[in-house]
Amino acid sequence: MVQKGDQTTGTKAGRIAADASLPQRERGATSMVRLGRRTKVLAPTLTPGAIVVLDHADLDSVAARTLVAARPLAVINNVPFVSGRYPNRGPEVLLRAGIALYEGGSGAEDLFAILRDGELGRISGGVLEQSGTIIRLAPFTSAILEDKMRAARANLNDALSDFAQNTLRYLDREEERSLLLDPVSVPETRTVLAGRAVLIVVRGDGYEEDLAQLGLFLREQSPAVIAVDGAADALLTLGVRPDIILGDMDSISDAGLRCGAELIVHAYSRPLTSGNSVAPGLERVESLRLEAQTFPVAGTSEDAALLLAYERGADLIVAVGTHSHLEDFLDKGRGGMASTFLVRLKVGSRLVDARGVSRLYARRQRLAPLMVSLAICAAFPLVVLFANTSVGQHLWRSLVVWLRLHFG
C-alpha cells in the first residue's frame, strides 16, 4: 500500500512485520534508496547500507552474490523473488547473509514509478518512507521462502520440459543449428590459443572460490586467460591479468577495460530491435578510446568465449563459473541457456570444469608429503650401506674436515 500523507494512492497486499522480527540494523533505519532494473548493472554501483530496489523475478544465485558483496541494508523486489516456475536459489543466498528481503509493487503499483533513485528513505517494520510517500511492503522471510520453494520443486518436471522444448526450438532455427554443427568464424587474436590450456572465467556461482583453488594450475600450466565481462575485475583483484576480455562490456569497470588485455565485443548476429546496434558494448569501448574487435555469434558471451577457445585450437579449456549442470541452467532461468547447453556439447572433450581440476591438484598436494616421506625411508638403508664402504667413509671424513674449516 502506498500513501502520501493521509491519502491512499495504491494498494498492496502483504504482511507488515513488527520491528522486533527484523534484523537489529534494519529497525527504523535511514539510508539511500537505489533502484535498478538490471541487477548486474546496479550491484557494482552500490555502497554498503543502501536500500536496494530490484525488478528481478526469480532472482538467481549469481545476481544474489553480487548483492551480498555490496552489503545492502535491505533488498526490495518489485516482482516476486520466487514465481514458482522452478526453485531459484537467489533469495536463500541473501537471507543466509542476513539481508532483510521485501516484496512490493503489483500491476497497479510500480515501485520504480513511486520511488526516486539516490534519495534517502527510511525503512521500519516493513514500511518504507521516502519524501512523504509511505509504502507498505510484504516481508519475505525464510518461512515464506520454504513454502514457495516446496511449491517450485513440484514444478521441476514442467521446468525441465520447458527447457528441453526451448532447446529443440533453438535447434529448429538454421542459424543456431549451424552454431552446433558448423565451424564458427572467430576473430584473430594476438594471444596464441592453439595447443595451449585456456582458462575461461565467468562470474558464475562460486567462481571466486574456484579461482582461489587454481593457483598451482596457473603457475604450472601458464594458461591463456579469457575473462567474460566483469570476471576481469575479479581476476585483476587476484593479481591475474586476463589475456582476452570478451563480452557485452556492461558489467566491467573502466579500469578492467584499460588493463591491457585484448578486447573482443560480443556482437549479435542479426540487428536488435529498439534501435540498438549490433554490438552494444562497442560504443563504451570506443568512448574510452580503446581498440576492440567484434565477434558476431548467437548465444551468450559465455558461449562466445568457449567457441573462441575451441575454434582457435585450444588443447584444454578449463571453465570457471560457467553453467555446468541442470540446476545451473534452471537457476539462470532464461531461454538463452539453450545455446550454452548446445555449445558445451560441441566443445565436449576439451572442456573441463575448474572444480574438477582443483580437486586433482588438491589430491596431488595431499600426496606430495607422503611421497617425500616414502622417498626418505627408501633412501635411508642405501645411505647406511654406502657409509660403510671405503668410498663412503672417505667422503664422510672429507665432509667433516670441510665443515670444521668453514664453521670452526
Protein backbone atom coordinates (compact mmCIF):
# COMPACT_ATOMS: atom_id res chain seq x y z
CA MET A 1 0.00 0.00 0.00
CA VAL A 2 1.28 3.44 -0.94
CA GLN A 3 0.25 6.53 0.99
CA LYS A 4 1.16 10.18 0.66
CA GLY A 5 0.21 11.97 3.82
CA ASP A 6 -3.24 10.59 4.66
CA GLN A 7 -4.25 9.89 1.07
CA THR A 8 -4.02 6.33 -0.28
CA THR A 9 -2.66 6.23 -3.83
CA GLY A 10 -2.36 2.49 -4.38
CA THR A 11 -2.91 -0.95 -2.89
CA LYS A 12 -0.58 -3.77 -1.97
CA ALA A 13 -1.47 -6.93 -0.13
CA GLY A 14 1.14 -8.13 2.30
CA ARG A 15 2.05 -8.62 5.88
CA ILE A 16 3.82 -5.96 7.92
CA ALA A 17 6.47 -7.37 10.20
CA ALA A 18 6.91 -5.92 13.67
CA ASP A 19 10.23 -4.21 14.33
CA ALA A 20 11.19 -7.00 16.73
CA SER A 21 11.18 -9.54 13.88
CA LEU A 22 13.67 -7.59 11.78
CA PRO A 23 17.48 -7.58 11.90
CA GLN A 24 18.69 -5.08 14.51
CA ARG A 25 20.46 -2.92 11.92
CA GLU A 26 17.25 -2.60 9.84
CA ARG A 27 14.89 -1.41 12.59
CA GLY A 28 13.98 2.19 11.84
CA ALA A 29 16.99 2.71 9.55
CA THR A 30 17.52 5.61 7.16
CA SER A 31 19.66 5.11 4.07
CA MET A 32 19.96 5.90 0.39
CA VAL A 33 17.42 4.18 -1.87
CA ARG A 34 18.93 2.71 -5.03
CA LEU A 35 16.81 1.49 -7.94
CA GLY A 36 17.90 -0.77 -10.78
CA ARG A 37 16.00 -2.95 -13.21
CA ARG A 38 19.22 -4.78 -14.18
CA THR A 39 20.81 -6.28 -11.09
CA LYS A 40 24.25 -6.89 -12.59
CA VAL A 41 24.49 -3.25 -13.65
CA LEU A 42 23.21 -1.86 -10.34
CA ALA A 43 25.24 -4.06 -7.95
CA PRO A 44 28.72 -2.65 -8.74
CA THR A 45 27.47 0.90 -8.07
CA LEU A 46 26.05 0.19 -4.61
CA THR A 47 27.56 1.45 -1.38
CA PRO A 48 27.22 -0.54 1.87
CA GLY A 49 23.98 0.01 3.74
CA ALA A 50 21.84 1.00 0.75
CA ILE A 51 18.14 0.16 0.46
CA VAL A 52 18.08 -1.68 -2.87
CA VAL A 53 15.01 -1.88 -5.11
CA LEU A 54 15.13 -4.51 -7.87
CA ASP A 55 12.92 -5.66 -10.70
CA HIS A 56 14.29 -9.20 -10.87
CA ALA A 57 11.81 -12.08 -10.93
CA ASP A 58 13.18 -15.47 -9.84
CA LEU A 59 16.39 -13.94 -8.53
CA ASP A 60 19.30 -16.27 -9.36
CA SER A 61 22.23 -17.09 -7.09
CA VAL A 62 24.83 -15.27 -9.21
CA ALA A 63 22.96 -11.98 -9.00
CA ALA A 64 22.32 -12.56 -5.30
CA ARG A 65 26.03 -12.99 -4.60
CA THR A 66 26.82 -9.68 -6.29
CA LEU A 67 24.30 -8.05 -3.97
CA VAL A 68 25.75 -9.74 -0.88
CA ALA A 69 29.17 -8.34 -1.79
CA ALA A 70 27.64 -4.84 -1.78
CA ARG A 71 26.28 -5.34 1.79
CA PRO A 72 22.89 -3.65 1.39
CA LEU A 73 20.64 -2.85 4.33
CA ALA A 74 17.59 -4.36 2.66
CA VAL A 75 16.55 -5.64 -0.76
CA ILE A 76 13.06 -4.93 -2.10
CA ASN A 77 11.87 -6.69 -5.23
CA ASN A 78 9.30 -5.03 -7.45
CA VAL A 79 8.32 -8.53 -8.68
CA PRO A 80 8.23 -11.93 -6.91
CA PHE A 81 11.52 -13.32 -5.63
CA VAL A 82 10.14 -16.79 -6.42
CA SER A 83 7.46 -17.15 -9.07
CA GLY A 84 7.19 -20.90 -8.59
CA ARG A 85 8.34 -21.85 -12.09
CA TYR A 86 11.44 -23.55 -10.68
CA PRO A 87 13.41 -23.50 -7.39
CA ASN A 88 15.70 -20.49 -7.87
CA ARG A 89 18.43 -20.08 -5.28
CA GLY A 90 18.98 -16.32 -5.09
CA PRO A 91 16.67 -15.44 -2.16
CA GLU A 92 18.27 -18.11 0.03
CA VAL A 93 21.72 -16.59 -0.61
CA LEU A 94 20.51 -13.18 0.56
CA LEU A 95 18.67 -14.48 3.62
CA ARG A 96 21.68 -16.51 4.74
CA ALA A 97 23.74 -13.32 4.54
CA GLY A 98 21.31 -11.68 6.99
CA ILE A 99 19.83 -9.24 4.48
CA ALA A 100 16.19 -8.26 5.02
CA LEU A 101 14.02 -9.01 1.97
CA TYR A 102 10.69 -7.49 0.92
CA GLU A 103 8.34 -7.76 -1.99
CA GLY A 104 6.44 -4.72 -3.16
CA GLY A 105 4.59 -3.46 -6.18
CA SER A 106 1.98 -5.02 -8.40
CA GLY A 107 0.42 -4.36 -11.76
CA ALA A 108 -1.14 -1.19 -10.33
CA GLU A 109 1.79 -0.23 -8.12
CA ASP A 110 5.22 0.02 -9.72
CA LEU A 111 7.84 0.96 -7.15
CA PHE A 112 10.01 2.39 -9.91
CA ALA A 113 7.29 4.93 -10.67
CA ILE A 114 6.93 5.87 -6.99
CA LEU A 115 10.45 5.93 -5.57
CA ARG A 116 13.38 8.14 -6.56
CA ASP A 117 16.85 6.74 -7.09
CA GLY A 118 19.62 8.19 -4.94
CA GLU A 119 17.38 9.88 -2.35
CA LEU A 120 17.19 8.96 1.33
CA GLY A 121 14.47 6.68 2.60
CA ARG A 122 13.53 5.20 5.95
CA ILE A 123 12.55 1.56 6.39
CA SER A 124 10.96 0.31 9.59
CA GLY A 125 8.67 -2.60 10.36
CA GLY A 126 8.02 -3.39 6.72
CA VAL A 127 7.21 0.24 5.88
CA LEU A 128 9.35 2.30 3.52
CA GLU A 129 9.05 6.09 3.56
CA GLN A 130 10.67 8.46 1.09
CA SER A 131 9.85 12.17 0.78
CA GLY A 132 6.47 11.73 2.46
CA THR A 133 5.45 8.71 0.38
CA ILE A 134 4.74 5.65 2.52
CA ILE A 135 4.92 2.15 1.02
CA ARG A 136 3.82 -0.91 2.95
CA LEU A 137 5.90 -3.90 1.96
CA ALA A 138 5.49 -7.65 2.33
CA PRO A 139 8.44 -9.15 4.27
CA PHE A 140 9.98 -12.15 2.52
CA THR A 141 11.13 -14.47 5.31
CA SER A 142 12.75 -17.90 5.47
CA ALA A 143 9.37 -19.47 6.23
CA ILE A 144 7.81 -17.90 3.15
CA LEU A 145 10.80 -18.97 1.05
CA GLU A 146 10.47 -22.56 2.28
CA ASP A 147 6.80 -22.68 1.28
CA LYS A 148 7.48 -21.19 -2.15
CA MET A 149 10.43 -23.47 -2.81
CA ARG A 150 8.36 -26.52 -1.90
CA ALA A 151 5.80 -25.50 -4.50
CA ALA A 152 8.54 -24.68 -7.03
CA ARG A 153 10.15 -28.10 -6.63
CA ALA A 154 6.83 -29.65 -7.51
CA ASN A 155 7.09 -27.80 -10.84
CA LEU A 156 10.54 -29.18 -11.74
CA ASN A 157 9.09 -31.57 -14.30
CA ASP A 158 7.42 -28.67 -16.11
CA ALA A 159 10.62 -26.57 -15.89
CA LEU A 160 12.71 -29.37 -17.36
CA SER A 161 10.15 -29.92 -20.11
CA ASP A 162 10.17 -26.21 -20.96
CA PHE A 163 13.97 -26.19 -21.10
CA ALA A 164 14.05 -29.23 -23.40
CA GLN A 165 11.40 -27.75 -25.71
CA ASN A 166 13.24 -24.43 -25.82
CA THR A 167 16.44 -26.27 -26.79
CA LEU A 168 14.63 -28.07 -29.61
CA ARG A 169 13.12 -24.78 -30.82
CA TYR A 170 16.60 -23.30 -30.77
CA LEU A 171 17.85 -26.13 -33.00
CA ASP A 172 14.97 -25.58 -35.42
CA ARG A 173 16.47 -22.23 -36.42
CA GLU A 174 19.12 -22.64 -39.10
CA GLU A 175 21.46 -20.02 -37.65
CA GLU A 176 21.53 -21.62 -34.21
CA ARG A 177 21.82 -25.12 -35.66
CA SER A 178 24.95 -24.04 -37.55
CA LEU A 179 26.41 -22.88 -34.23
CA LEU A 180 26.46 -26.51 -33.12
CA LEU A 181 27.29 -28.27 -36.40
CA ASP A 182 29.47 -25.89 -38.43
CA PRO A 183 32.81 -24.16 -37.75
CA VAL A 184 32.36 -20.63 -36.41
CA SER A 185 34.28 -17.71 -37.88
CA VAL A 186 36.19 -16.29 -34.91
CA PRO A 187 38.37 -13.17 -34.74
CA GLU A 188 42.15 -13.33 -34.97
CA THR A 189 43.86 -12.80 -31.61
CA ARG A 190 47.33 -11.69 -30.63
CA THR A 191 47.20 -14.21 -27.82
CA VAL A 192 48.12 -17.68 -29.04
CA LEU A 193 45.44 -20.18 -28.07
CA ALA A 194 46.31 -23.14 -30.32
CA GLY A 195 47.83 -26.07 -28.47
CA ARG A 196 47.56 -24.33 -25.08
CA ALA A 197 45.48 -24.65 -21.99
CA VAL A 198 42.90 -21.85 -21.87
CA LEU A 199 41.21 -20.67 -18.68
CA ILE A 200 37.76 -19.11 -19.23
CA VAL A 201 36.37 -17.19 -16.26
CA VAL A 202 32.69 -16.25 -15.94
CA ARG A 203 31.12 -14.58 -12.92
CA GLY A 204 29.02 -17.62 -12.16
CA ASP A 205 28.06 -19.34 -8.94
CA GLY A 206 31.11 -19.96 -6.73
CA TYR A 207 33.60 -18.61 -9.27
CA GLU A 208 35.70 -16.77 -6.67
CA GLU A 209 36.18 -19.93 -4.58
CA ASP A 210 37.09 -21.91 -7.71
CA LEU A 211 39.67 -19.32 -8.77
CA ALA A 212 41.28 -19.42 -5.34
CA GLN A 213 41.86 -23.17 -5.75
CA LEU A 214 43.61 -22.88 -9.12
CA GLY A 215 46.84 -21.21 -8.04
CA LEU A 216 49.03 -24.27 -8.67
CA PHE A 217 47.38 -24.89 -12.05
CA LEU A 218 48.04 -21.29 -13.10
CA ARG A 219 51.70 -21.49 -12.06
CA GLU A 220 52.37 -24.83 -13.73
CA GLN A 221 50.34 -24.51 -16.94
CA SER A 222 50.52 -20.73 -17.62
CA PRO A 223 47.20 -20.88 -19.49
CA ALA A 224 45.84 -18.19 -21.73
CA VAL A 225 43.15 -16.42 -19.70
CA ILE A 226 39.84 -15.28 -21.20
CA ALA A 227 37.61 -13.22 -18.90
CA VAL A 228 33.93 -12.84 -19.73
CA ASP A 229 32.90 -9.27 -18.97
CA GLY A 230 33.03 -8.42 -15.24
CA ALA A 231 35.08 -11.52 -14.41
CA ALA A 232 38.09 -9.46 -15.50
CA ASP A 233 37.77 -7.31 -12.38
CA ALA A 234 37.80 -10.40 -10.15
CA LEU A 235 40.93 -11.70 -11.87
CA LEU A 236 42.72 -8.36 -11.52
CA THR A 237 41.88 -8.33 -7.81
CA LEU A 238 43.68 -11.68 -7.52
CA GLY A 239 46.69 -10.34 -9.40
CA VAL A 240 45.91 -12.18 -12.64
CA ARG A 241 45.68 -10.05 -15.78
CA PRO A 242 43.46 -11.65 -18.43
CA ASP A 243 44.87 -12.00 -21.92
CA ILE A 244 41.45 -11.50 -23.54
CA ILE A 245 38.28 -9.84 -22.28
CA LEU A 246 35.14 -10.84 -24.17
CA GLY A 247 31.55 -9.76 -23.56
CA ASP A 248 28.92 -7.07 -23.78
CA MET A 249 31.18 -4.83 -21.66
CA ASP A 250 28.27 -3.77 -19.46
CA SER A 251 29.46 -5.14 -16.10
CA ILE A 252 33.19 -4.47 -16.20
CA SER A 253 34.91 -1.42 -14.71
CA ASP A 254 36.79 1.15 -16.78
CA ALA A 255 39.98 0.03 -15.04
CA GLY A 256 39.29 -3.52 -16.16
CA LEU A 257 38.89 -2.43 -19.76
CA ARG A 258 42.15 -0.49 -19.56
CA CYS A 259 44.20 -3.36 -18.07
CA GLY A 260 45.91 -4.10 -21.40
CA ALA A 261 44.01 -7.22 -22.39
CA GLU A 262 42.72 -7.79 -25.92
CA LEU A 263 39.11 -6.64 -26.11
CA ILE A 264 36.50 -8.59 -28.08
CA VAL A 265 32.95 -7.27 -28.01
CA HIS A 266 30.23 -9.89 -28.29
CA ALA A 267 28.05 -8.83 -31.20
CA TYR A 268 24.66 -10.20 -32.13
CA SER A 269 24.45 -11.97 -35.45
CA ARG A 270 21.38 -10.02 -36.50
CA PRO A 271 20.28 -6.46 -35.64
CA LEU A 272 18.35 -5.95 -32.43
CA THR A 273 15.11 -4.01 -32.13
CA SER A 274 14.57 -0.67 -30.43
CA GLY A 275 17.39 0.96 -32.34
CA ASN A 276 20.17 -0.94 -30.58
CA SER A 277 23.37 -1.54 -32.52
CA VAL A 278 24.64 -4.98 -33.43
CA ALA A 279 27.43 -4.70 -30.84
CA PRO A 280 26.05 -2.59 -27.96
CA GLY A 281 29.27 -2.75 -25.93
CA LEU A 282 31.41 -1.29 -28.71
CA GLU A 283 30.25 2.26 -28.04
CA ARG A 284 31.53 2.14 -24.47
CA VAL A 285 34.90 0.75 -25.51
CA GLU A 286 35.33 3.41 -28.15
CA SER A 287 34.32 6.14 -25.68
CA LEU A 288 37.36 5.10 -23.62
CA ARG A 289 39.50 5.36 -26.78
CA LEU A 290 40.32 1.68 -26.71
CA GLU A 291 40.53 -0.72 -29.62
CA ALA A 292 38.35 -3.79 -29.85
CA GLN A 293 37.24 -6.47 -32.28
CA THR A 294 33.71 -7.74 -32.58
CA PHE A 295 32.62 -11.37 -32.53
CA PRO A 296 29.17 -11.84 -34.11
CA VAL A 297 27.76 -15.13 -32.82
CA ALA A 298 24.44 -16.36 -31.50
CA GLY A 299 24.10 -17.19 -27.83
CA THR A 300 25.61 -15.67 -24.71
CA SER A 301 29.04 -14.16 -24.09
CA GLU A 302 29.90 -17.33 -22.18
CA ASP A 303 29.16 -19.30 -25.36
CA ALA A 304 31.29 -16.92 -27.43
CA ALA A 305 34.29 -17.40 -25.11
CA LEU A 306 34.02 -21.19 -25.29
CA LEU A 307 33.72 -21.09 -29.08
CA LEU A 308 36.69 -18.71 -29.42
CA ALA A 309 38.96 -21.07 -27.47
CA TYR A 310 37.62 -24.14 -29.26
CA GLU A 311 37.84 -22.81 -32.81
CA ARG A 312 41.30 -21.34 -32.17
CA GLY A 313 42.58 -24.83 -31.31
CA ALA A 314 42.93 -24.74 -27.53
CA ASP A 315 44.27 -28.06 -26.27
CA LEU A 316 42.39 -27.85 -22.95
CA ILE A 317 39.61 -25.48 -21.86
CA VAL A 318 39.19 -25.02 -18.11
CA ALA A 319 35.94 -23.24 -17.26
CA VAL A 320 35.39 -21.23 -14.07
CA GLY A 321 31.88 -20.08 -13.13
CA THR A 322 30.20 -21.42 -16.28
CA HIS A 323 26.90 -23.27 -16.30
CA SER A 324 27.77 -26.93 -15.93
CA HIS A 325 24.74 -28.84 -14.65
CA LEU A 326 20.96 -28.84 -14.75
CA GLU A 327 20.49 -26.81 -11.58
CA ASP A 328 22.70 -24.07 -13.03
CA PHE A 329 20.69 -23.91 -16.25
CA LEU A 330 17.34 -23.77 -14.46
CA ASP A 331 18.59 -21.28 -11.86
CA LYS A 332 19.58 -18.85 -14.58
CA GLY A 333 16.00 -19.10 -15.73
CA ARG A 334 16.17 -17.79 -19.27
CA GLY A 335 15.75 -19.21 -22.74
CA GLY A 336 19.28 -18.22 -23.78
CA MET A 337 20.65 -21.09 -21.73
CA ALA A 338 19.72 -23.47 -24.57
CA SER A 339 22.64 -22.14 -26.61
CA THR A 340 25.04 -22.67 -23.68
CA PHE A 341 23.87 -26.26 -23.33
CA LEU A 342 24.49 -26.91 -27.03
CA VAL A 343 27.86 -25.15 -27.11
CA ARG A 344 29.05 -27.33 -24.23
CA LEU A 345 28.05 -30.36 -26.30
CA LYS A 346 30.15 -29.04 -29.18
CA VAL A 347 33.24 -28.20 -27.14
CA GLY A 348 32.86 -31.54 -25.40
CA SER A 349 36.09 -33.46 -24.83
CA ARG A 350 38.32 -30.39 -24.48
CA LEU A 351 36.24 -28.82 -21.71
CA VAL A 352 36.97 -29.42 -18.03
CA ASP A 353 35.20 -27.76 -15.12
CA ALA A 354 37.53 -25.87 -12.77
CA ARG A 355 36.25 -27.75 -9.74
CA GLY A 356 37.47 -31.00 -11.23
CA VAL A 357 40.91 -29.51 -11.91
CA SER A 358 41.20 -28.10 -8.37
CA ARG A 359 40.30 -31.49 -6.87
CA LEU A 360 43.01 -33.20 -8.91
CA TYR A 361 45.63 -30.67 -7.84
CA ALA A 362 44.47 -30.81 -4.20
CA ARG A 363 44.82 -34.60 -4.23
CA ARG A 364 48.31 -34.28 -5.69
CA GLN A 365 49.25 -31.76 -2.99
CA ARG A 366 48.00 -34.12 -0.28
CA LEU A 367 50.07 -36.97 -1.76
CA ALA A 368 53.26 -34.90 -2.03
CA PRO A 369 54.30 -35.08 1.69
CA LEU A 370 53.62 -38.81 1.69
CA MET A 371 55.77 -39.34 -1.40
CA VAL A 372 58.63 -37.36 0.17
CA SER A 373 58.43 -39.45 3.35
CA LEU A 374 58.47 -42.68 1.35
CA ALA A 375 61.47 -41.50 -0.64
CA ILE A 376 63.40 -40.68 2.55
CA CYS A 377 62.54 -44.05 4.08
CA ALA A 378 63.62 -45.86 0.91
CA ALA A 379 66.89 -43.94 0.68
CA PHE A 380 67.93 -44.41 4.34
CA PRO A 381 69.12 -48.05 4.02
CA LEU A 382 71.11 -47.14 0.90
CA VAL A 383 72.80 -44.27 2.76
CA VAL A 384 73.75 -46.56 5.65
CA LEU A 385 75.20 -49.19 3.30
CA PHE A 386 77.14 -46.57 1.33
CA ALA A 387 78.55 -45.08 4.55
CA ASN A 388 80.12 -48.44 5.42
CA THR A 389 82.10 -48.63 2.17
CA SER A 390 85.61 -47.20 1.85
CA VAL A 391 84.42 -44.57 -0.60
CA GLY A 392 81.61 -43.57 1.73
CA GLN A 393 83.93 -43.29 4.74
CA HIS A 394 86.36 -41.17 2.74
CA LEU A 395 83.57 -38.80 1.67
CA TRP A 396 82.34 -38.57 5.26
CA ARG A 397 85.80 -37.63 6.58
CA SER A 398 86.14 -35.04 3.79
CA LEU A 399 82.80 -33.53 4.74
CA VAL A 400 83.82 -33.31 8.42
CA VAL A 401 87.06 -31.54 7.51
CA TRP A 402 85.20 -29.08 5.24
CA LEU A 403 82.68 -28.26 8.00
CA ARG A 404 85.48 -27.65 10.56
CA LEU A 405 87.33 -25.32 8.18
CA HIS A 406 84.25 -23.24 7.40
CA PHE A 407 82.38 -23.29 10.71
CA GLY A 408 85.13 -23.88 13.28
